[in-house]
Amino acid sequence: MFDAIILAEFVSTIFYSLLGLGLMAVVWYAITWIAPFPVVKEIEEDQNIALAILMGAIFLGMAIIIAAVILS
């Protein structure tokens, strides 16, 4: 019985991790599609630190929301 509980927790952890990564990818593509400028070029080539901080804050917020949904 103990092995079944561990296996179920392992499978659910993998599933929710992949679900979270998928949602993060969807958010990334939505932001790059909505933005009126190339986001990657602004961050990498133009060294736009404010945009990089904003993108990081968006992903942190998404991670907190996904974690709260998983834990509830």
PDB file of N, CA and C in Angstrom:
ATOM      1  N   MET A   1       0.824  -1.196   0.000  1.00  0.00           N
ATOM      2  CA  MET A   1       0.000   0.000   0.000  1.00  0.00           C
ATOM      3  C   MET A   1       0.866   1.257   0.000  1.00  0.00           C
ATOM      4  N   PHE A   2       1.972   1.217   0.734  1.00  0.00           N
ATOM      5  CA  PHE A   2       2.864   2.375   0.804  1.00  0.00           C
ATOM      6  C   PHE A   2       3.443   2.693  -0.569  1.00  0.00           C
ATOM      7  N   ASP A   3       3.768   1.636  -1.341  1.00  0.00           N
ATOM      8  CA  ASP A   3       4.318   1.860  -2.679  1.00  0.00           C
ATOM      9  C   ASP A   3       3.291   2.490  -3.611  1.00  0.00           C
ATOM     10  N   ALA A   4       2.025   2.143  -3.456  1.00  0.00           N
ATOM     11  CA  ALA A   4       0.977   2.718  -4.297  1.00  0.00           C
ATOM     12  C   ALA A   4       0.797   4.202  -4.008  1.00  0.00           C
ATOM     13  N   ILE A   5       0.900   4.590  -2.753  1.00  0.00           N
ATOM     14  CA  ILE A   5       0.770   6.008  -2.398  1.00  0.00           C
ATOM     15  C   ILE A   5       1.932   6.807  -2.974  1.00  0.00           C
ATOM     16  N   ILE A   6       3.122   6.271  -2.853  1.00  0.00           N
ATOM     17  CA  ILE A   6       4.288   6.971  -3.391  1.00  0.00           C
ATOM     18  C   ILE A   6       4.194   7.083  -4.912  1.00  0.00           C
ATOM     19  N   LEU A   7       3.765   6.022  -5.577  1.00  0.00           N
ATOM     20  CA  LEU A   7       3.629   6.049  -7.032  1.00  0.00           C
ATOM     21  C   LEU A   7       2.570   7.068  -7.452  1.00  0.00           C
ATOM     22  N   ALA A   8       1.455   7.110  -6.749  1.00  0.00           N
ATOM     23  CA  ALA A   8       0.399   8.076  -7.084  1.00  0.00           C
ATOM     24  C   ALA A   8       0.892   9.506  -6.897  1.00  0.00           C
ATOM     25  N   GLU A   9       1.628   9.772  -5.826  1.00  0.00           N
ATOM     26  CA  GLU A   9       2.170  11.117  -5.609  1.00  0.00           C
ATOM     27  C   GLU A   9       3.196  11.474  -6.674  1.00  0.00           C
ATOM     28  N   PHE A  10       4.005  10.517  -7.073  1.00  0.00           N
ATOM     29  CA  PHE A  10       5.018  10.761  -8.103  1.00  0.00           C
ATOM     30  C   PHE A  10       4.359  11.084  -9.441  1.00  0.00           C
ATOM     31  N   VAL A  11       3.359  10.305  -9.812  1.00  0.00           N
ATOM     32  CA  VAL A  11       2.668  10.534 -11.080  1.00  0.00           C
ATOM     33  C   VAL A  11       1.947  11.877 -11.067  1.00  0.00           C
ATOM     34  N   SER A  12       1.294  12.215  -9.959  1.00  0.00           N
ATOM     35  CA  SER A  12       0.594  13.495  -9.900  1.00  0.00           C
ATOM     36  C   SER A  12       1.571  14.670  -9.918  1.00  0.00           C
ATOM     37  N   THR A  13       2.727  14.502  -9.277  1.00  0.00           N
ATOM     38  CA  THR A  13       3.744  15.556  -9.309  1.00  0.00           C
ATOM     39  C   THR A  13       4.241  15.792 -10.720  1.00  0.00           C
ATOM     40  N   ILE A  14       4.517  14.730 -11.451  1.00  0.00           N
ATOM     41  CA  ILE A  14       4.977  14.855 -12.843  1.00  0.00           C
ATOM     42  C   ILE A  14       3.879  15.500 -13.695  1.00  0.00           C
ATOM     43  N   PHE A  15       2.636  15.054 -13.516  1.00  0.00           N
ATOM     44  CA  PHE A  15       1.529  15.599 -14.297  1.00  0.00           C
ATOM     45  C   PHE A  15       1.359  17.097 -14.060  1.00  0.00           C
ATOM     46  N   TYR A  16       1.325  17.501 -12.802  1.00  0.00           N
ATOM     47  CA  TYR A  16       1.123  18.910 -12.496  1.00  0.00           C
ATOM     48  C   TYR A  16       2.335  19.762 -12.889  1.00  0.00           C
ATOM     49  N   SER A  17       3.521  19.192 -12.832  1.00  0.00           N
ATOM     50  CA  SER A  17       4.700  19.930 -13.299  1.00  0.00           C
ATOM     51  C   SER A  17       4.609  20.199 -14.794  1.00  0.00           C
ATOM     52  N   LEU A  18       4.239  19.174 -15.552  1.00  0.00           N
ATOM     53  CA  LEU A  18       4.092  19.360 -16.997  1.00  0.00           C
ATOM     54  C   LEU A  18       2.937  20.304 -17.324  1.00  0.00           C
ATOM     55  N   LEU A  19       1.860  20.217 -16.560  1.00  0.00           N
ATOM     56  CA  LEU A  19       0.739  21.137 -16.758  1.00  0.00           C
ATOM     57  C   LEU A  19       1.166  22.583 -16.486  1.00  0.00           C
ATOM     58  N   GLY A  20       1.915  22.794 -15.418  1.00  0.00           N
ATOM     59  CA  GLY A  20       2.403  24.132 -15.101  1.00  0.00           C
ATOM     60  C   GLY A  20       3.338  24.677 -16.172  1.00  0.00           C
ATOM     61  N   LEU A  21       4.244  23.825 -16.658  1.00  0.00           N
ATOM     62  CA  LEU A  21       5.142  24.261 -17.729  1.00  0.00           C
ATOM     63  C   LEU A  21       4.369  24.570 -19.007  1.00  0.00           C
ATOM     64  N   GLY A  22       3.355  23.784 -19.286  1.00  0.00           N
ATOM     65  CA  GLY A  22       2.523  24.051 -20.461  1.00  0.00           C
ATOM     66  C   GLY A  22       1.788  25.373 -20.349  1.00  0.00           C
ATOM     67  N   LEU A  23       1.257  25.648 -19.156  1.00  0.00           N
ATOM     68  CA  LEU A  23       0.577  26.931 -18.949  1.00  0.00           C
ATOM     69  C   LEU A  23       1.548  28.101 -19.055  1.00  0.00           C
ATOM     70  N   MET A  24       2.761  27.926 -18.556  1.00  0.00           N
ATOM     71  CA  MET A  24       3.769  28.988 -18.685  1.00  0.00           C
ATOM     72  C   MET A  24       4.093  29.235 -20.161  1.00  0.00           C
ATOM     73  N   ALA A  25       4.181  28.164 -20.959  1.00  0.00           N
ATOM     74  CA  ALA A  25       4.456  28.323 -22.384  1.00  0.00           C
ATOM     75  C   ALA A  25       3.312  29.047 -23.081  1.00  0.00           C
ATOM     76  N   VAL A  26       2.083  28.722 -22.707  1.00  0.00           N
ATOM     77  CA  VAL A  26       0.917  29.396 -23.295  1.00  0.00           C
ATOM     78  C   VAL A  26       0.953  30.883 -22.954  1.00  0.00           C
ATOM     79  N   VAL A  27       1.282  31.207 -21.718  1.00  0.00           N
ATOM     80  CA  VAL A  27       1.367  32.621 -21.311  1.00  0.00           C
ATOM     81  C   VAL A  27       2.474  33.333 -22.085  1.00  0.00           C
ATOM     82  N   TRP A  28       3.618  32.677 -22.259  1.00  0.00           N
ATOM     83  CA  TRP A  28       4.724  33.288 -23.012  1.00  0.00           C
ATOM     84  C   TRP A  28       4.289  33.592 -24.446  1.00  0.00           C
ATOM     85  N   TYR A  29       3.669  32.620 -25.119  1.00  0.00           N
ATOM     86  CA  TYR A  29       3.244  32.841 -26.493  1.00  0.00           C
ATOM     87  C   TYR A  29       2.133  33.891 -26.573  1.00  0.00           C
ATOM     88  N   ALA A  30       1.268  33.951 -25.582  1.00  0.00           N
ATOM     89  CA  ALA A  30       0.225  34.970 -25.578  1.00  0.00           C
ATOM     90  C   ALA A  30       0.832  36.362 -25.426  1.00  0.00           C
ATOM     91  N   ILE A  31       1.827  36.487 -24.558  1.00  0.00           N
ATOM     92  CA  ILE A  31       2.460  37.799 -24.359  1.00  0.00           C
ATOM     93  C   ILE A  31       3.206  38.234 -25.612  1.00  0.00           C
ATOM     94  N   THR A  32       3.949  37.315 -26.237  1.00  0.00           N
ATOM     95  CA  THR A  32       4.677  37.687 -27.450  1.00  0.00           C
ATOM     96  C   THR A  32       3.730  37.962 -28.612  1.00  0.00           C
ATOM     97  N   TRP A  33       2.555  37.356 -28.609  1.00  0.00           N
ATOM     98  CA  TRP A  33       1.585  37.600 -29.672  1.00  0.00           C
ATOM     99  C   TRP A  33       0.887  38.944 -29.476  1.00  0.00           C
ATOM    100  N   ILE A  34       0.602  39.286 -28.224  1.00  0.00           N
ATOM    101  CA  ILE A  34      -0.115  40.530 -27.928  1.00  0.00           C
ATOM    102  C   ILE A  34       0.800  41.756 -28.004  1.00  0.00           C
ATOM    103  N   ALA A  35       2.065  41.602 -27.623  1.00  0.00           N
ATOM    104  CA  ALA A  35       2.985  42.739 -27.565  1.00  0.00           C
ATOM    105  C   ALA A  35       3.203  43.335 -28.957  1.00  0.00           C
ATOM    106  N   PRO A  36       3.221  44.665 -29.053  1.00  0.00           N
ATOM    107  CA  PRO A  36       3.405  45.305 -30.360  1.00  0.00           C
ATOM    108  C   PRO A  36       4.871  45.373 -30.799  1.00  0.00           C
ATOM    109  N   PHE A  37       5.757  44.709 -30.079  1.00  0.00           N
ATOM    110  CA  PHE A  37       7.183  44.710 -30.399  1.00  0.00           C
ATOM    111  C   PHE A  37       7.738  43.313 -30.107  1.00  0.00           C
ATOM    112  N   PRO A  38       8.873  42.969 -30.701  1.00  0.00           N
ATOM    113  CA  PRO A  38       9.466  41.647 -30.420  1.00  0.00           C
ATOM    114  C   PRO A  38      10.061  41.608 -29.001  1.00  0.00           C
ATOM    115  N   VAL A  39       9.476  40.814 -28.138  1.00  0.00           N
ATOM    116  CA  VAL A  39       9.866  40.774 -26.726  1.00  0.00           C
ATOM    117  C   VAL A  39      11.296  40.252 -26.565  1.00  0.00           C
ATOM    118  N   VAL A  40      11.628  39.190 -27.266  1.00  0.00           N
ATOM    119  CA  VAL A  40      12.965  38.598 -27.128  1.00  0.00           C
ATOM    120  C   VAL A  40      14.038  39.581 -27.585  1.00  0.00           C
ATOM    121  N   LYS A  41      13.797  40.274 -28.693  1.00  0.00           N
ATOM    122  CA  LYS A  41      14.766  41.258 -29.187  1.00  0.00           C
ATOM    123  C   LYS A  41      14.943  42.393 -28.186  1.00  0.00           C
ATOM    124  N   GLU A  42      13.847  42.851 -27.608  1.00  0.00           N
ATOM    125  CA  GLU A  42      13.929  43.934 -26.622  1.00  0.00           C
ATOM    126  C   GLU A  42      14.762  43.519 -25.409  1.00  0.00           C
ATOM    127  N   ILE A  43      14.583  42.293 -24.948  1.00  0.00           N
ATOM    128  CA  ILE A  43      15.302  41.853 -23.753  1.00  0.00           C
ATOM    129  C   ILE A  43      16.757  41.527 -24.069  1.00  0.00           C
ATOM    130  N   GLU A  44      16.994  40.770 -25.140  1.00  0.00           N
ATOM    131  CA  GLU A  44      18.352  40.302 -25.435  1.00  0.00           C
ATOM    132  C   GLU A  44      19.228  41.362 -26.097  1.00  0.00           C
ATOM    133  N   GLU A  45      18.753  41.936 -27.184  1.00  0.00           N
ATOM    134  CA  GLU A  45      19.606  42.839 -27.952  1.00  0.00           C
ATOM    135  C   GLU A  45      19.592  44.265 -27.415  1.00  0.00           C
ATOM    136  N   ASP A  46      18.407  44.764 -27.064  1.00  0.00           N
ATOM    137  CA  ASP A  46      18.299  46.147 -26.613  1.00  0.00           C
ATOM    138  C   ASP A  46      18.524  46.308 -25.115  1.00  0.00           C
ATOM    139  N   GLN A  47      18.703  45.188 -24.400  1.00  0.00           N
ATOM    140  CA  GLN A  47      18.987  45.201 -22.955  1.00  0.00           C
ATOM    141  C   GLN A  47      17.916  45.960 -22.173  1.00  0.00           C
ATOM    142  N   ASN A  48      16.648  45.695 -22.481  1.00  0.00           N
ATOM    143  CA  ASN A  48      15.537  46.357 -21.803  1.00  0.00           C
ATOM    144  C   ASN A  48      15.306  45.670 -20.457  1.00  0.00           C
ATOM    145  N   ILE A  49      15.899  46.211 -19.418  1.00  0.00           N
ATOM    146  CA  ILE A  49      15.839  45.605 -18.090  1.00  0.00           C
ATOM    147  C   ILE A  49      14.427  45.689 -17.515  1.00  0.00           C
ATOM    148  N   ALA A  50      13.729  46.782 -17.765  1.00  0.00           N
ATOM    149  CA  ALA A  50      12.369  46.926 -17.236  1.00  0.00           C
ATOM    150  C   ALA A  50      11.446  45.844 -17.797  1.00  0.00           C
ATOM    151  N   LEU A  51      11.572  45.541 -19.068  1.00  0.00           N
ATOM    152  CA  LEU A  51      10.751  44.494 -19.676  1.00  0.00           C
ATOM    153  C   LEU A  51      11.127  43.120 -19.112  1.00  0.00           C
ATOM    154  N   ALA A  52      12.405  42.902 -18.888  1.00  0.00           N
ATOM    155  CA  ALA A  52      12.849  41.630 -18.311  1.00  0.00           C
ATOM    156  C   ALA A  52      12.298  41.445 -16.895  1.00  0.00           C
ATOM    157  N   ILE A  53      12.301  42.505 -16.120  1.00  0.00           N
ATOM    158  CA  ILE A  53      11.747  42.435 -14.758  1.00  0.00           C
ATOM    159  C   ILE A  53      10.242  42.201 -14.824  1.00  0.00           C
ATOM    160  N   LEU A  54       9.554  42.858 -15.741  1.00  0.00           N
ATOM    161  CA  LEU A  54       8.118  42.664 -15.902  1.00  0.00           C
ATOM    162  C   LEU A  54       7.796  41.230 -16.298  1.00  0.00           C
ATOM    163  N   MET A  55       8.544  40.670 -17.235  1.00  0.00           N
ATOM    164  CA  MET A  55       8.316  39.280 -17.644  1.00  0.00           C
ATOM    165  C   MET A  55       8.586  38.319 -16.487  1.00  0.00           C
ATOM    166  N   GLY A  56       9.620  38.588 -15.726  1.00  0.00           N
ATOM    167  CA  GLY A  56       9.902  37.757 -14.559  1.00  0.00           C
ATOM    168  C   GLY A  56       8.791  37.825 -13.539  1.00  0.00           C
ATOM    169  N   ALA A  57       8.243  39.012 -13.320  1.00  0.00           N
ATOM    170  CA  ALA A  57       7.139  39.167 -12.372  1.00  0.00           C
ATOM    171  C   ALA A  57       5.886  38.446 -12.862  1.00  0.00           C
ATOM    172  N   ILE A  58       5.654  38.484 -14.159  1.00  0.00           N
ATOM    173  CA  ILE A  58       4.498  37.773 -14.713  1.00  0.00           C
ATOM    174  C   ILE A  58       4.649  36.273 -14.488  1.00  0.00           C
ATOM    175  N   PHE A  59       5.841  35.738 -14.740  1.00  0.00           N
ATOM    176  CA  PHE A  59       6.046  34.299 -14.560  1.00  0.00           C
ATOM    177  C   PHE A  59       6.026  33.904 -13.084  1.00  0.00           C
ATOM    178  N   LEU A  60       6.514  34.751 -12.211  1.00  0.00           N
ATOM    179  CA  LEU A  60       6.402  34.459 -10.782  1.00  0.00           C
ATOM    180  C   LEU A  60       4.941  34.449 -10.341  1.00  0.00           C
ATOM    181  N   GLY A  61       4.182  35.399 -10.820  1.00  0.00           N
ATOM    182  CA  GLY A  61       2.754  35.434 -10.508  1.00  0.00           C
ATOM    183  C   GLY A  61       2.033  34.200 -11.028  1.00  0.00           C
ATOM    184  N   MET A  62       2.354  33.786 -12.249  1.00  0.00           N
ATOM    185  CA  MET A  62       1.747  32.569 -12.796  1.00  0.00           C
ATOM    186  C   MET A  62       2.138  31.346 -11.973  1.00  0.00           C
ATOM    187  N   ALA A  63       3.396  31.282 -11.538  1.00  0.00           N
ATOM    188  CA  ALA A  63       3.847  30.151 -10.736  1.00  0.00           C
ATOM    189  C   ALA A  63       3.113  30.099  -9.405  1.00  0.00           C
ATOM    190  N   ILE A  64       2.889  31.240  -8.800  1.00  0.00           N
ATOM    191  CA  ILE A  64       2.159  31.283  -7.518  1.00  0.00           C
ATOM    192  C   ILE A  64       0.708  30.849  -7.718  1.00  0.00           C
ATOM    193  N   ILE A  65       0.083  31.299  -8.803  1.00  0.00           N
ATOM    194  CA  ILE A  65      -1.301  30.914  -9.080  1.00  0.00           C
ATOM    195  C   ILE A  65      -1.400  29.424  -9.334  1.00  0.00           C
ATOM    196  N   ILE A  66      -0.491  28.878 -10.150  1.00  0.00           N
ATOM    197  CA  ILE A  66      -0.515  27.445 -10.445  1.00  0.00           C
ATOM    198  C   ILE A  66      -0.277  26.628  -9.170  1.00  0.00           C
ATOM    199  N   ALA A  67       0.649  27.062  -8.345  1.00  0.00           N
ATOM    200  CA  ALA A  67       0.922  26.343  -7.089  1.00  0.00           C
ATOM    201  C   ALA A  67      -0.292  26.381  -6.161  1.00  0.00           C
ATOM    202  N   ALA A  68      -0.978  27.508  -6.116  1.00  0.00           N
ATOM    203  CA  ALA A  68      -2.166  27.613  -5.265  1.00  0.00           C
ATOM    204  C   ALA A  68      -3.282  26.702  -5.769  1.00  0.00           C
ATOM    205  N   VAL A  69      -3.427  26.613  -7.076  1.00  0.00           N
ATOM    206  CA  VAL A  69      -4.446  25.729  -7.638  1.00  0.00           C
ATOM    207  C   VAL A  69      -4.105  24.271  -7.361  1.00  0.00           C
ATOM    208  N   ILE A  70      -2.856  23.911  -7.500  1.00  0.00           N
ATOM    209  CA  ILE A  70      -2.444  22.532  -7.248  1.00  0.00           C
ATOM    210  C   ILE A  70      -2.627  22.163  -5.786  1.00  0.00           C
ATOM    211  N   LEU A  71      -2.325  23.066  -4.876  1.00  0.00           N
ATOM    212  CA  LEU A  71      -2.427  22.766  -3.451  1.00  0.00           C
ATOM    213  C   LEU A  71      -3.854  22.790  -2.931  1.00  0.00           C
ATOM    214  N   SER A  72      -4.779  23.388  -3.671  1.00  0.00           N
ATOM    215  CA  SER A  72      -6.158  23.446  -3.172  1.00  0.00           C
ATOM    216  C   SER A  72      -6.955  22.204  -3.527  1.00  0.00           C
TER     217      SER A  72
END
